[in-house]
């Protein structure tokens, strides 16, 4: 880890602002293995609203993480897929998923200890 102060306009902060939220992580994970249509993504990402999914996909598309393909059908078909850049992010996101699965018991135990200590005060 760097000891350099994190400036709000640093490249790292700008990227983290875009991709380090749960909806972006879940959207990248959902399209990393195969393209998905909008409504399928909405079903795959539990709890996301249509508006939030649309905003998230638009940001990820703008940043070159996902690609959007529109097919002129009735109704119009929109499909989202991972880009080459997005694949590199998907690898990182998957490491976070693995870490989460391996450490969830310790995290839950720490929360119980913390809450018990706070309640004792």
PDB file of N, CA and C in Angstrom:
ATOM      1  N   UNK A   1       0.837  -1.178   0.000  1.00  0.00           N
ATOM      2  CA  UNK A   1       0.000   0.000   0.000  1.00  0.00           C
ATOM      3  C   UNK A   1       0.880   1.239   0.000  1.00  0.00           C
ATOM      4  N   UNK A   2       0.420   2.242  -0.662  1.00  0.00           N
ATOM      5  CA  UNK A   2       1.155   3.488  -0.768  1.00  0.00           C
ATOM      6  C   UNK A   2       0.849   4.400   0.423  1.00  0.00           C
ATOM      7  N   UNK A   3       1.858   5.179   0.818  1.00  0.00           N
ATOM      8  CA  UNK A   3       1.655   6.169   1.877  1.00  0.00           C
ATOM      9  C   UNK A   3       1.259   7.524   1.308  1.00  0.00           C
ATOM     10  N   UNK A   4       1.110   7.588  -0.017  1.00  0.00           N
ATOM     11  CA  UNK A   4       0.744   8.823  -0.686  1.00  0.00           C
ATOM     12  C   UNK A   4      -0.694   9.188  -0.329  1.00  0.00           C
ATOM     13  N   UNK A   5      -0.928  10.453   0.030  1.00  0.00           N
ATOM     14  CA  UNK A   5      -2.310  10.860   0.332  1.00  0.00           C
ATOM     15  C   UNK A   5      -3.216  10.624  -0.883  1.00  0.00           C
ATOM     16  N   UNK A   6      -4.439  10.244  -0.618  1.00  0.00           N
ATOM     17  CA  UNK A   6      -5.396   9.986  -1.686  1.00  0.00           C
ATOM     18  C   UNK A   6      -6.138  11.271  -2.015  1.00  0.00           C
ATOM     19  N   UNK A   7      -5.787  11.852  -3.128  1.00  0.00           N
ATOM     20  CA  UNK A   7      -6.425  13.086  -3.580  1.00  0.00           C
ATOM     21  C   UNK A   7      -7.755  12.738  -4.255  1.00  0.00           C
ATOM     22  N   UNK A   8      -8.778  13.556  -4.061  1.00  0.00           N
ATOM     23  CA  UNK A   8     -10.094  13.262  -4.631  1.00  0.00           C
ATOM     24  C   UNK A   8     -10.095  13.137  -6.157  1.00  0.00           C
ATOM     25  N   UNK A   9      -9.163  13.806  -6.824  1.00  0.00           N
ATOM     26  CA  UNK A   9      -9.144  13.753  -8.286  1.00  0.00           C
ATOM     27  C   UNK A   9      -8.041  12.846  -8.824  1.00  0.00           C
ATOM     28  N   UNK A  10      -7.471  11.996  -7.963  1.00  0.00           N
ATOM     29  CA  UNK A  10      -6.441  11.065  -8.429  1.00  0.00           C
ATOM     30  C   UNK A  10      -7.087  10.004  -9.311  1.00  0.00           C
ATOM     31  N   UNK A  11      -6.336   9.413 -10.239  1.00  0.00           N
ATOM     32  CA  UNK A  11      -6.911   8.369 -11.100  1.00  0.00           C
ATOM     33  C   UNK A  11      -7.548   7.232 -10.309  1.00  0.00           C
ATOM     34  N   UNK A  12      -6.889   6.804  -9.233  1.00  0.00           N
ATOM     35  CA  UNK A  12      -7.437   5.708  -8.448  1.00  0.00           C
ATOM     36  C   UNK A  12      -8.788   6.076  -7.849  1.00  0.00           C
ATOM     37  N   UNK A  13      -8.899   7.275  -7.313  1.00  0.00           N
ATOM     38  CA  UNK A  13     -10.166   7.685  -6.706  1.00  0.00           C
ATOM     39  C   UNK A  13     -11.267   7.801  -7.757  1.00  0.00           C
ATOM     40  N   UNK A  14     -10.922   8.276  -8.938  1.00  0.00           N
ATOM     41  CA  UNK A  14     -11.911   8.397 -10.001  1.00  0.00           C
ATOM     42  C   UNK A  14     -12.414   7.021 -10.441  1.00  0.00           C
ATOM     43  N   UNK A  15     -11.502   6.068 -10.557  1.00  0.00           N
ATOM     44  CA  UNK A  15     -11.900   4.713 -10.958  1.00  0.00           C
ATOM     45  C   UNK A  15     -12.703   4.047  -9.843  1.00  0.00           C
ATOM     46  N   UNK A  16     -12.248   4.166  -8.607  1.00  0.00           N
ATOM     47  CA  UNK A  16     -12.975   3.554  -7.491  1.00  0.00           C
ATOM     48  C   UNK A  16     -14.380   4.125  -7.366  1.00  0.00           C
ATOM     49  N   UNK A  17     -14.507   5.407  -7.607  1.00  0.00           N
ATOM     50  CA  UNK A  17     -15.826   6.030  -7.555  1.00  0.00           C
ATOM     51  C   UNK A  17     -16.769   5.375  -8.551  1.00  0.00           C
ATOM     52  N   UNK A  18     -16.232   4.945  -9.665  1.00  0.00           N
ATOM     53  CA  UNK A  18     -17.054   4.367 -10.724  1.00  0.00           C
ATOM     54  C   UNK A  18     -17.339   2.883 -10.520  1.00  0.00           C
ATOM     55  N   UNK A  19     -16.337   2.119 -10.114  1.00  0.00           N
ATOM     56  CA  UNK A  19     -16.519   0.664 -10.123  1.00  0.00           C
ATOM     57  C   UNK A  19     -16.599   0.012  -8.754  1.00  0.00           C
ATOM     58  N   UNK A  20     -16.345   0.748  -7.695  1.00  0.00           N
ATOM     59  CA  UNK A  20     -16.336   0.123  -6.370  1.00  0.00           C
ATOM     60  C   UNK A  20     -17.662   0.300  -5.649  1.00  0.00           C
ATOM     61  N   UNK A  21     -18.727   0.047  -6.343  1.00  0.00           N
ATOM     62  CA  UNK A  21     -20.028   0.017  -5.682  1.00  0.00           C
ATOM     63  C   UNK A  21     -20.688  -1.317  -6.003  1.00  0.00           C
ATOM     64  N   UNK A  22     -21.597  -1.734  -5.158  1.00  0.00           N
ATOM     65  CA  UNK A  22     -22.140  -3.081  -5.305  1.00  0.00           C
ATOM     66  C   UNK A  22     -22.836  -3.302  -6.639  1.00  0.00           C
ATOM     67  N   UNK A  23     -23.521  -2.293  -7.165  1.00  0.00           N
ATOM     68  CA  UNK A  23     -24.252  -2.495  -8.413  1.00  0.00           C
ATOM     69  C   UNK A  23     -23.296  -2.683  -9.582  1.00  0.00           C
ATOM     70  N   UNK A  24     -22.219  -1.917  -9.620  1.00  0.00           N
ATOM     71  CA  UNK A  24     -21.238  -2.078 -10.691  1.00  0.00           C
ATOM     72  C   UNK A  24     -20.568  -3.436 -10.599  1.00  0.00           C
ATOM     73  N   UNK A  25     -20.202  -3.832  -9.394  1.00  0.00           N
ATOM     74  CA  UNK A  25     -19.558  -5.138  -9.194  1.00  0.00           C
ATOM     75  C   UNK A  25     -20.494  -6.257  -9.638  1.00  0.00           C
ATOM     76  N   UNK A  26     -21.765  -6.185  -9.247  1.00  0.00           N
ATOM     77  CA  UNK A  26     -22.723  -7.223  -9.614  1.00  0.00           C
ATOM     78  C   UNK A  26     -23.009  -7.227 -11.114  1.00  0.00           C
ATOM     79  N   UNK A  27     -23.060  -6.053 -11.728  1.00  0.00           N
ATOM     80  CA  UNK A  27     -23.293  -5.984 -13.177  1.00  0.00           C
ATOM     81  C   UNK A  27     -22.118  -6.583 -13.943  1.00  0.00           C
ATOM     82  N   UNK A  28     -20.904  -6.256 -13.532  1.00  0.00           N
ATOM     83  CA  UNK A  28     -19.715  -6.819 -14.197  1.00  0.00           C
ATOM     84  C   UNK A  28     -19.712  -8.334 -14.034  1.00  0.00           C
ATOM     85  N   UNK A  29     -20.004  -8.810 -12.847  1.00  0.00           N
ATOM     86  CA  UNK A  29     -20.045 -10.256 -12.608  1.00  0.00           C
ATOM     87  C   UNK A  29     -21.109 -10.933 -13.473  1.00  0.00           C
ATOM     88  N   UNK A  30     -22.233 -10.263 -13.648  1.00  0.00           N
ATOM     89  CA  UNK A  30     -23.348 -10.853 -14.397  1.00  0.00           C
ATOM     90  C   UNK A  30     -23.050 -10.991 -15.885  1.00  0.00           C
ATOM     91  N   UNK A  31     -22.256 -10.096 -16.438  1.00  0.00           N
ATOM     92  CA  UNK A  31     -21.977 -10.161 -17.882  1.00  0.00           C
ATOM     93  C   UNK A  31     -20.614 -10.765 -18.204  1.00  0.00           C
ATOM     94  N   UNK A  32     -19.855 -11.158 -17.186  1.00  0.00           N
ATOM     95  CA  UNK A  32     -18.478 -11.584 -17.459  1.00  0.00           C
ATOM     96  C   UNK A  32     -18.393 -12.896 -18.226  1.00  0.00           C
ATOM     97  N   UNK A  33     -19.369 -13.782 -18.108  1.00  0.00           N
ATOM     98  CA  UNK A  33     -19.290 -15.065 -18.814  1.00  0.00           C
ATOM     99  C   UNK A  33     -20.072 -15.110 -20.115  1.00  0.00           C
ATOM    100  N   UNK A  34     -21.112 -14.299 -20.202  1.00  0.00           N
ATOM    101  CA  UNK A  34     -21.903 -14.270 -21.436  1.00  0.00           C
ATOM    102  C   UNK A  34     -22.714 -12.986 -21.500  1.00  0.00           C
ATOM    103  N   UNK A  35     -23.017 -12.533 -22.707  1.00  0.00           N
ATOM    104  CA  UNK A  35     -23.840 -11.322 -22.851  1.00  0.00           C
ATOM    105  C   UNK A  35     -25.220 -11.542 -22.226  1.00  0.00           C
ATOM    106  N   UNK A  36     -25.785 -10.452 -21.737  1.00  0.00           N
ATOM    107  CA  UNK A  36     -27.099 -10.511 -21.102  1.00  0.00           C
ATOM    108  C   UNK A  36     -27.962  -9.358 -21.599  1.00  0.00           C
ATOM    109  N   UNK A  37     -29.238  -9.642 -21.733  1.00  0.00           N
ATOM    110  CA  UNK A  37     -30.186  -8.589 -22.051  1.00  0.00           C
ATOM    111  C   UNK A  37     -30.546  -7.859 -20.766  1.00  0.00           C
ATOM    112  N   UNK A  38     -31.053  -6.654 -20.924  1.00  0.00           N
ATOM    113  CA  UNK A  38     -31.343  -5.788 -19.780  1.00  0.00           C
ATOM    114  C   UNK A  38     -32.225  -6.479 -18.747  1.00  0.00           C
ATOM    115  N   UNK A  39     -33.342  -7.046 -19.192  1.00  0.00           N
ATOM    116  CA  UNK A  39     -34.275  -7.651 -18.239  1.00  0.00           C
ATOM    117  C   UNK A  39     -33.679  -8.876 -17.555  1.00  0.00           C
ATOM    118  N   UNK A  40     -32.818  -9.608 -18.262  1.00  0.00           N
ATOM    119  CA  UNK A  40     -32.153 -10.744 -17.634  1.00  0.00           C
ATOM    120  C   UNK A  40     -31.207 -10.253 -16.547  1.00  0.00           C
ATOM    121  N   UNK A  41     -30.496  -9.158 -16.818  1.00  0.00           N
ATOM    122  CA  UNK A  41     -29.619  -8.571 -15.803  1.00  0.00           C
ATOM    123  C   UNK A  41     -30.423  -8.148 -14.577  1.00  0.00           C
ATOM    124  N   UNK A  42     -31.555  -7.577 -14.827  1.00  0.00           N
ATOM    125  CA  UNK A  42     -32.405  -7.129 -13.712  1.00  0.00           C
ATOM    126  C   UNK A  42     -32.846  -8.295 -12.839  1.00  0.00           C
ATOM    127  N   UNK A  43     -33.129  -9.429 -13.489  1.00  0.00           N
ATOM    128  CA  UNK A  43     -33.489 -10.628 -12.716  1.00  0.00           C
ATOM    129  C   UNK A  43     -32.267 -11.199 -11.996  1.00  0.00           C
ATOM    130  N   UNK A  44     -31.114 -11.164 -12.652  1.00  0.00           N
ATOM    131  CA  UNK A  44     -29.886 -11.737 -12.079  1.00  0.00           C
ATOM    132  C   UNK A  44     -29.363 -10.931 -10.896  1.00  0.00           C
ATOM    133  N   UNK A  45     -29.579  -9.619 -10.921  1.00  0.00           N
ATOM    134  CA  UNK A  45     -29.058  -8.739  -9.866  1.00  0.00           C
ATOM    135  C   UNK A  45     -30.212  -8.404  -8.935  1.00  0.00           C
ATOM    136  N   UNK A  46     -30.384  -9.202  -7.930  1.00  0.00           N
ATOM    137  CA  UNK A  46     -31.500  -9.042  -7.004  1.00  0.00           C
ATOM    138  C   UNK A  46     -31.484  -7.692  -6.310  1.00  0.00           C
ATOM    139  N   UNK A  47     -32.653  -7.047  -6.270  1.00  0.00           N
ATOM    140  CA  UNK A  47     -32.799  -5.813  -5.521  1.00  0.00           C
ATOM    141  C   UNK A  47     -32.471  -4.537  -6.275  1.00  0.00           C
ATOM    142  N   UNK A  48     -31.985  -4.639  -7.493  1.00  0.00           N
ATOM    143  CA  UNK A  48     -31.647  -3.421  -8.241  1.00  0.00           C
ATOM    144  C   UNK A  48     -32.884  -2.902  -8.968  1.00  0.00           C
ATOM    145  N   UNK A  49     -33.064  -1.600  -8.934  1.00  0.00           N
ATOM    146  CA  UNK A  49     -34.197  -0.998  -9.651  1.00  0.00           C
ATOM    147  C   UNK A  49     -33.826  -0.837 -11.123  1.00  0.00           C
ATOM    148  N   UNK A  50     -34.830  -0.661 -11.947  1.00  0.00           N
ATOM    149  CA  UNK A  50     -34.601  -0.454 -13.369  1.00  0.00           C
ATOM    150  C   UNK A  50     -33.747   0.788 -13.597  1.00  0.00           C
ATOM    151  N   UNK A  51     -34.046   1.857 -12.865  1.00  0.00           N
ATOM    152  CA  UNK A  51     -33.306   3.108 -13.002  1.00  0.00           C
ATOM    153  C   UNK A  51     -31.837   2.931 -12.600  1.00  0.00           C
ATOM    154  N   UNK A  52     -31.591   2.266 -11.480  1.00  0.00           N
ATOM    155  CA  UNK A  52     -30.221   2.079 -11.007  1.00  0.00           C
ATOM    156  C   UNK A  52     -29.437   1.193 -11.971  1.00  0.00           C
ATOM    157  N   UNK A  53     -30.067   0.136 -12.489  1.00  0.00           N
ATOM    158  CA  UNK A  53     -29.390  -0.729 -13.446  1.00  0.00           C
ATOM    159  C   UNK A  53     -29.039   0.046 -14.706  1.00  0.00           C
ATOM    160  N   UNK A  54     -29.970   0.853 -15.190  1.00  0.00           N
ATOM    161  CA  UNK A  54     -29.725   1.656 -16.379  1.00  0.00           C
ATOM    162  C   UNK A  54     -28.561   2.624 -16.161  1.00  0.00           C
ATOM    163  N   UNK A  55     -28.554   3.314 -15.019  1.00  0.00           N
ATOM    164  CA  UNK A  55     -27.463   4.249 -14.713  1.00  0.00           C
ATOM    165  C   UNK A  55     -26.128   3.527 -14.588  1.00  0.00           C
ATOM    166  N   UNK A  56     -26.132   2.392 -13.919  1.00  0.00           N
ATOM    167  CA  UNK A  56     -24.901   1.624 -13.720  1.00  0.00           C
ATOM    168  C   UNK A  56     -24.338   1.151 -15.048  1.00  0.00           C
ATOM    169  N   UNK A  57     -25.191   0.594 -15.905  1.00  0.00           N
ATOM    170  CA  UNK A  57     -24.729   0.108 -17.206  1.00  0.00           C
ATOM    171  C   UNK A  57     -24.221   1.248 -18.080  1.00  0.00           C
ATOM    172  N   UNK A  58     -24.882   2.380 -18.018  1.00  0.00           N
ATOM    173  CA  UNK A  58     -24.451   3.534 -18.804  1.00  0.00           C
ATOM    174  C   UNK A  58     -23.057   3.987 -18.368  1.00  0.00           C
ATOM    175  N   UNK A  59     -22.816   4.031 -17.061  1.00  0.00           N
ATOM    176  CA  UNK A  59     -21.497   4.427 -16.553  1.00  0.00           C
ATOM    177  C   UNK A  59     -20.428   3.408 -16.953  1.00  0.00           C
ATOM    178  N   UNK A  60     -20.759   2.124 -16.817  1.00  0.00           N
ATOM    179  CA  UNK A  60     -19.798   1.085 -17.181  1.00  0.00           C
ATOM    180  C   UNK A  60     -19.516   1.100 -18.680  1.00  0.00           C
ATOM    181  N   UNK A  61     -20.519   1.398 -19.468  1.00  0.00           N
ATOM    182  CA  UNK A  61     -20.311   1.508 -20.913  1.00  0.00           C
ATOM    183  C   UNK A  61     -19.420   2.713 -21.224  1.00  0.00           C
ATOM    184  N   UNK A  62     -19.684   3.825 -20.593  1.00  0.00           N
ATOM    185  CA  UNK A  62     -18.887   5.037 -20.810  1.00  0.00           C
ATOM    186  C   UNK A  62     -17.418   4.800 -20.471  1.00  0.00           C
ATOM    187  N   UNK A  63     -17.181   4.003 -19.423  1.00  0.00           N
ATOM    188  CA  UNK A  63     -15.817   3.728 -18.987  1.00  0.00           C
ATOM    189  C   UNK A  63     -15.159   2.584 -19.758  1.00  0.00           C
ATOM    190  N   UNK A  64     -15.876   1.992 -20.699  1.00  0.00           N
ATOM    191  CA  UNK A  64     -15.283   0.931 -21.511  1.00  0.00           C
ATOM    192  C   UNK A  64     -15.267  -0.430 -20.842  1.00  0.00           C
ATOM    193  N   UNK A  65     -16.076  -0.608 -19.805  1.00  0.00           N
ATOM    194  CA  UNK A  65     -16.108  -1.871 -19.065  1.00  0.00           C
ATOM    195  C   UNK A  65     -17.106  -2.850 -19.694  1.00  0.00           C
ATOM    196  N   UNK A  66     -18.242  -2.338 -20.134  1.00  0.00           N
ATOM    197  CA  UNK A  66     -19.233  -3.155 -20.838  1.00  0.00           C
ATOM    198  C   UNK A  66     -19.523  -2.523 -22.188  1.00  0.00           C
ATOM    199  N   UNK A  67     -19.977  -3.374 -23.106  1.00  0.00           N
ATOM    200  CA  UNK A  67     -20.393  -2.907 -24.426  1.00  0.00           C
ATOM    201  C   UNK A  67     -21.896  -3.121 -24.550  1.00  0.00           C
ATOM    202  N   UNK A  68     -22.538  -2.212 -25.223  1.00  0.00           N
ATOM    203  CA  UNK A  68     -23.993  -2.254 -25.416  1.00  0.00           C
ATOM    204  C   UNK A  68     -24.263  -2.484 -26.886  1.00  0.00           C
ATOM    205  N   UNK A  69     -25.073  -3.482 -27.186  1.00  0.00           N
ATOM    206  CA  UNK A  69     -25.430  -3.797 -28.576  1.00  0.00           C
ATOM    207  C   UNK A  69     -26.945  -3.698 -28.722  1.00  0.00           C
ATOM    208  N   UNK A  70     -27.372  -2.876 -29.660  1.00  0.00           N
ATOM    209  CA  UNK A  70     -28.802  -2.678 -29.914  1.00  0.00           C
ATOM    210  C   UNK A  70     -29.165  -3.393 -31.204  1.00  0.00           C
ATOM    211  N   UNK A  71     -30.190  -4.218 -31.154  1.00  0.00           N
ATOM    212  CA  UNK A  71     -30.680  -4.927 -32.333  1.00  0.00           C
ATOM    213  C   UNK A  71     -32.065  -4.395 -32.664  1.00  0.00           C
ATOM    214  N   UNK A  72     -32.237  -4.016 -33.912  1.00  0.00           N
ATOM    215  CA  UNK A  72     -33.505  -3.430 -34.347  1.00  0.00           C
ATOM    216  C   UNK A  72     -34.560  -4.516 -34.509  1.00  0.00           C
ATOM    217  N   UNK A  73     -35.209  -4.839 -33.418  1.00  0.00           N
ATOM    218  CA  UNK A  73     -36.330  -5.769 -33.424  1.00  0.00           C
ATOM    219  C   UNK A  73     -37.531  -5.042 -32.837  1.00  0.00           C
ATOM    220  N   UNK A  74     -38.653  -5.708 -32.800  1.00  0.00           N
ATOM    221  CA  UNK A  74     -39.827  -5.118 -32.174  1.00  0.00           C
ATOM    222  C   UNK A  74     -40.203  -5.999 -30.998  1.00  0.00           C
ATOM    223  N   UNK A  75     -40.056  -5.558 -29.754  1.00  0.00           N
ATOM    224  CA  UNK A  75     -39.381  -4.314 -29.371  1.00  0.00           C
ATOM    225  C   UNK A  75     -37.867  -4.426 -29.553  1.00  0.00           C
ATOM    226  N   UNK A  76     -37.200  -3.306 -29.443  1.00  0.00           N
ATOM    227  CA  UNK A  76     -35.754  -3.246 -29.611  1.00  0.00           C
ATOM    228  C   UNK A  76     -35.087  -4.154 -28.569  1.00  0.00           C
ATOM    229  N   UNK A  77     -34.071  -4.898 -29.002  1.00  0.00           N
ATOM    230  CA  UNK A  77     -33.321  -5.769 -28.097  1.00  0.00           C
ATOM    231  C   UNK A  77     -31.997  -5.100 -27.758  1.00  0.00           C
ATOM    232  N   UNK A  78     -31.705  -4.990 -26.473  1.00  0.00           N
ATOM    233  CA  UNK A  78     -30.444  -4.411 -26.017  1.00  0.00           C
ATOM    234  C   UNK A  78     -29.707  -5.483 -25.224  1.00  0.00           C
ATOM    235  N   UNK A  79     -28.439  -5.689 -25.594  1.00  0.00           N
ATOM    236  CA  UNK A  79     -27.629  -6.717 -24.943  1.00  0.00           C
ATOM    237  C   UNK A  79     -26.332  -6.094 -24.455  1.00  0.00           C
ATOM    238  N   UNK A  80     -25.909  -6.523 -23.281  1.00  0.00           N
ATOM    239  CA  UNK A  80     -24.682  -6.006 -22.677  1.00  0.00           C
ATOM    240  C   UNK A  80     -23.673  -7.141 -22.565  1.00  0.00           C
ATOM    241  N   UNK A  81     -22.420  -6.819 -22.869  1.00  0.00           N
ATOM    242  CA  UNK A  81     -21.356  -7.808 -22.771  1.00  0.00           C
ATOM    243  C   UNK A  81     -20.115  -7.159 -22.174  1.00  0.00           C
ATOM    244  N   UNK A  82     -19.212  -7.988 -21.721  1.00  0.00           N
ATOM    245  CA  UNK A  82     -17.977  -7.516 -21.104  1.00  0.00           C
ATOM    246  C   UNK A  82     -16.980  -7.151 -22.211  1.00  0.00           C
ATOM    247  N   UNK A  83     -16.210  -6.117 -22.004  1.00  0.00           N
ATOM    248  CA  UNK A  83     -15.151  -5.744 -22.938  1.00  0.00           C
ATOM    249  C   UNK A  83     -13.837  -6.365 -22.471  1.00  0.00           C
ATOM    250  N   UNK A  84     -12.800  -6.218 -23.276  1.00  0.00           N
ATOM    251  CA  UNK A  84     -11.487  -6.717 -22.867  1.00  0.00           C
ATOM    252  C   UNK A  84     -11.035  -6.028 -21.579  1.00  0.00           C
ATOM    253  N   UNK A  85     -11.243  -4.724 -21.499  1.00  0.00           N
ATOM    254  CA  UNK A  85     -10.909  -4.002 -20.271  1.00  0.00           C
ATOM    255  C   UNK A  85     -11.757  -4.511 -19.110  1.00  0.00           C
ATOM    256  N   UNK A  86     -13.026  -4.743 -19.375  1.00  0.00           N
ATOM    257  CA  UNK A  86     -13.928  -5.248 -18.345  1.00  0.00           C
ATOM    258  C   UNK A  86     -13.517  -6.616 -17.826  1.00  0.00           C
ATOM    259  N   UNK A  87     -12.938  -7.440 -18.699  1.00  0.00           N
ATOM    260  CA  UNK A  87     -12.478  -8.763 -18.261  1.00  0.00           C
ATOM    261  C   UNK A  87     -11.394  -8.642 -17.198  1.00  0.00           C
ATOM    262  N   UNK A  88     -10.543  -7.638 -17.325  1.00  0.00           N
ATOM    263  CA  UNK A  88      -9.493  -7.461 -16.314  1.00  0.00           C
ATOM    264  C   UNK A  88     -10.115  -7.045 -14.982  1.00  0.00           C
ATOM    265  N   UNK A  89     -11.163  -6.244 -15.025  1.00  0.00           N
ATOM    266  CA  UNK A  89     -11.875  -5.867 -13.808  1.00  0.00           C
ATOM    267  C   UNK A  89     -12.609  -7.074 -13.228  1.00  0.00           C
ATOM    268  N   UNK A  90     -13.190  -7.892 -14.090  1.00  0.00           N
ATOM    269  CA  UNK A  90     -13.926  -9.071 -13.630  1.00  0.00           C
ATOM    270  C   UNK A  90     -13.017 -10.009 -12.843  1.00  0.00           C
ATOM    271  N   UNK A  91     -11.767 -10.127 -13.243  1.00  0.00           N
ATOM    272  CA  UNK A  91     -10.817 -10.967 -12.500  1.00  0.00           C
ATOM    273  C   UNK A  91     -10.620 -10.427 -11.089  1.00  0.00           C
ATOM    274  N   UNK A  92     -10.493  -9.129 -10.977  1.00  0.00           N
ATOM    275  CA  UNK A  92     -10.324  -8.492  -9.673  1.00  0.00           C
ATOM    276  C   UNK A  92     -11.578  -8.655  -8.821  1.00  0.00           C
ATOM    277  N   UNK A  93     -12.723  -8.464  -9.425  1.00  0.00           N
ATOM    278  CA  UNK A  93     -14.001  -8.611  -8.725  1.00  0.00           C
ATOM    279  C   UNK A  93     -14.160 -10.048  -8.230  1.00  0.00           C
ATOM    280  N   UNK A  94     -13.742 -11.009  -9.037  1.00  0.00           N
ATOM    281  CA  UNK A  94     -13.869 -12.400  -8.629  1.00  0.00           C
ATOM    282  C   UNK A  94     -12.991 -12.697  -7.412  1.00  0.00           C
ATOM    283  N   UNK A  95     -11.817 -12.071  -7.348  1.00  0.00           N
ATOM    284  CA  UNK A  95     -10.960 -12.236  -6.172  1.00  0.00           C
ATOM    285  C   UNK A  95     -11.669 -11.701  -4.922  1.00  0.00           C
ATOM    286  N   UNK A  96     -12.387 -10.598  -5.068  1.00  0.00           N
ATOM    287  CA  UNK A  96     -13.153 -10.049  -3.948  1.00  0.00           C
ATOM    288  C   UNK A  96     -14.264 -11.010  -3.521  1.00  0.00           C
ATOM    289  N   UNK A  97     -14.926 -11.622  -4.495  1.00  0.00           N
ATOM    290  CA  UNK A  97     -15.966 -12.613  -4.193  1.00  0.00           C
ATOM    291  C   UNK A  97     -15.369 -13.789  -3.424  1.00  0.00           C
ATOM    292  N   UNK A  98     -14.235 -14.296  -3.880  1.00  0.00           N
ATOM    293  CA  UNK A  98     -13.577 -15.425  -3.218  1.00  0.00           C
ATOM    294  C   UNK A  98     -13.174 -15.034  -1.799  1.00  0.00           C
ATOM    295  N   UNK A  99     -12.578 -13.843  -1.644  1.00  0.00           N
ATOM    296  CA  UNK A  99     -12.182 -13.368  -0.322  1.00  0.00           C
ATOM    297  C   UNK A  99     -13.400 -13.304   0.590  1.00  0.00           C
ATOM    298  N   UNK A 100     -14.501 -12.771   0.074  1.00  0.00           N
ATOM    299  CA  UNK A 100     -15.728 -12.637   0.863  1.00  0.00           C
ATOM    300  C   UNK A 100     -16.234 -13.999   1.327  1.00  0.00           C
ATOM    301  N   UNK A 101     -16.255 -14.962   0.427  1.00  0.00           N
ATOM    302  CA  UNK A 101     -16.733 -16.302   0.779  1.00  0.00           C
ATOM    303  C   UNK A 101     -15.843 -16.942   1.838  1.00  0.00           C
ATOM    304  N   UNK A 102     -14.538 -16.768   1.730  1.00  0.00           N
ATOM    305  CA  UNK A 102     -13.598 -17.383   2.667  1.00  0.00           C
ATOM    306  C   UNK A 102     -13.611 -16.706   4.036  1.00  0.00           C
ATOM    307  N   UNK A 103     -14.003 -15.461   4.115  1.00  0.00           N
ATOM    308  CA  UNK A 103     -13.884 -14.706   5.358  1.00  0.00           C
ATOM    309  C   UNK A 103     -15.204 -14.301   5.994  1.00  0.00           C
ATOM    310  N   UNK A 104     -16.326 -14.698   5.428  1.00  0.00           N
ATOM    311  CA  UNK A 104     -17.609 -14.246   5.941  1.00  0.00           C
ATOM    312  C   UNK A 104     -17.830 -14.676   7.389  1.00  0.00           C
ATOM    313  N   UNK A 105     -17.400 -15.883   7.751  1.00  0.00           N
ATOM    314  CA  UNK A 105     -17.602 -16.339   9.138  1.00  0.00           C
ATOM    315  C   UNK A 105     -16.843 -15.453  10.118  1.00  0.00           C
ATOM    316  N   UNK A 106     -15.615 -15.077   9.771  1.00  0.00           N
ATOM    317  CA  UNK A 106     -14.833 -14.206  10.644  1.00  0.00           C
ATOM    318  C   UNK A 106     -15.460 -12.815  10.748  1.00  0.00           C
ATOM    319  N   UNK A 107     -15.989 -12.320   9.631  1.00  0.00           N
ATOM    320  CA  UNK A 107     -16.625 -11.001   9.620  1.00  0.00           C
ATOM    321  C   UNK A 107     -17.878 -11.015  10.493  1.00  0.00           C
ATOM    322  N   UNK A 108     -18.700 -12.046  10.335  1.00  0.00           N
ATOM    323  CA  UNK A 108     -19.920 -12.139  11.135  1.00  0.00           C
ATOM    324  C   UNK A 108     -19.595 -12.272  12.624  1.00  0.00           C
ATOM    325  N   UNK A 109     -18.563 -13.045  12.942  1.00  0.00           N
ATOM    326  CA  UNK A 109     -18.157 -13.190  14.344  1.00  0.00           C
ATOM    327  C   UNK A 109     -17.654 -11.860  14.906  1.00  0.00           C
ATOM    328  N   UNK A 110     -16.907 -11.120  14.124  1.00  0.00           N
ATOM    329  CA  UNK A 110     -16.414  -9.808  14.565  1.00  0.00           C
ATOM    330  C   UNK A 110     -17.581  -8.853  14.808  1.00  0.00           C
ATOM    331  N   UNK A 111     -18.600  -8.904  13.958  1.00  0.00           N
ATOM    332  CA  UNK A 111     -19.767  -8.046  14.138  1.00  0.00           C
ATOM    333  C   UNK A 111     -20.501  -8.381  15.425  1.00  0.00           C
ATOM    334  N   UNK A 112     -20.629  -9.664  15.722  1.00  0.00           N
ATOM    335  CA  UNK A 112     -21.296 -10.080  16.956  1.00  0.00           C
ATOM    336  C   UNK A 112     -20.512  -9.577  18.170  1.00  0.00           C
ATOM    337  N   UNK A 113     -19.177  -9.741  18.142  1.00  0.00           N
ATOM    338  CA  UNK A 113     -18.335  -9.253  19.253  1.00  0.00           C
ATOM    339  C   UNK A 113     -18.453  -7.750  19.411  1.00  0.00           C
ATOM    340  N   UNK A 114     -18.404  -7.025  18.313  1.00  0.00           N
ATOM    341  CA  UNK A 114     -18.500  -5.573  18.344  1.00  0.00           C
ATOM    342  C   UNK A 114     -19.839  -5.129  18.912  1.00  0.00           C
ATOM    343  N   UNK A 115     -20.920  -5.719  18.393  1.00  0.00           N
ATOM    344  CA  UNK A 115     -22.259  -5.351  18.854  1.00  0.00           C
ATOM    345  C   UNK A 115     -22.448  -5.668  20.335  1.00  0.00           C
ATOM    346  N   UNK A 116     -21.916  -6.805  20.783  1.00  0.00           N
ATOM    347  CA  UNK A 116     -22.032  -7.179  22.190  1.00  0.00           C
ATOM    348  C   UNK A 116     -21.261  -6.189  23.070  1.00  0.00           C
ATOM    349  N   UNK A 117     -20.075  -5.790  22.632  1.00  0.00           N
ATOM    350  CA  UNK A 117     -19.284  -4.822  23.394  1.00  0.00           C
ATOM    351  C   UNK A 117     -19.988  -3.469  23.438  1.00  0.00           C
ATOM    352  N   UNK A 118     -20.571  -3.057  22.329  1.00  0.00           N
ATOM    353  CA  UNK A 118     -21.279  -1.778  22.271  1.00  0.00           C
ATOM    354  C   UNK A 118     -22.517  -1.810  23.156  1.00  0.00           C
ATOM    355  N   UNK A 119     -23.188  -2.938  23.168  1.00  0.00           N
ATOM    356  CA  UNK A 119     -24.394  -3.081  23.977  1.00  0.00           C
ATOM    357  C   UNK A 119     -24.057  -3.089  25.484  1.00  0.00           C
ATOM    358  N   UNK A 120     -22.885  -3.641  25.813  1.00  0.00           N
ATOM    359  CA  UNK A 120     -22.459  -3.706  27.210  1.00  0.00           C
ATOM    360  C   UNK A 120     -22.166  -2.323  27.778  1.00  0.00           C
ATOM    361  N   UNK A 121     -21.847  -1.399  26.915  1.00  0.00           N
ATOM    362  CA  UNK A 121     -21.571  -0.029  27.388  1.00  0.00           C
ATOM    363  C   UNK A 121     -22.874   0.643  27.674  1.00  0.00           C
TER     364      UNK A 121
END
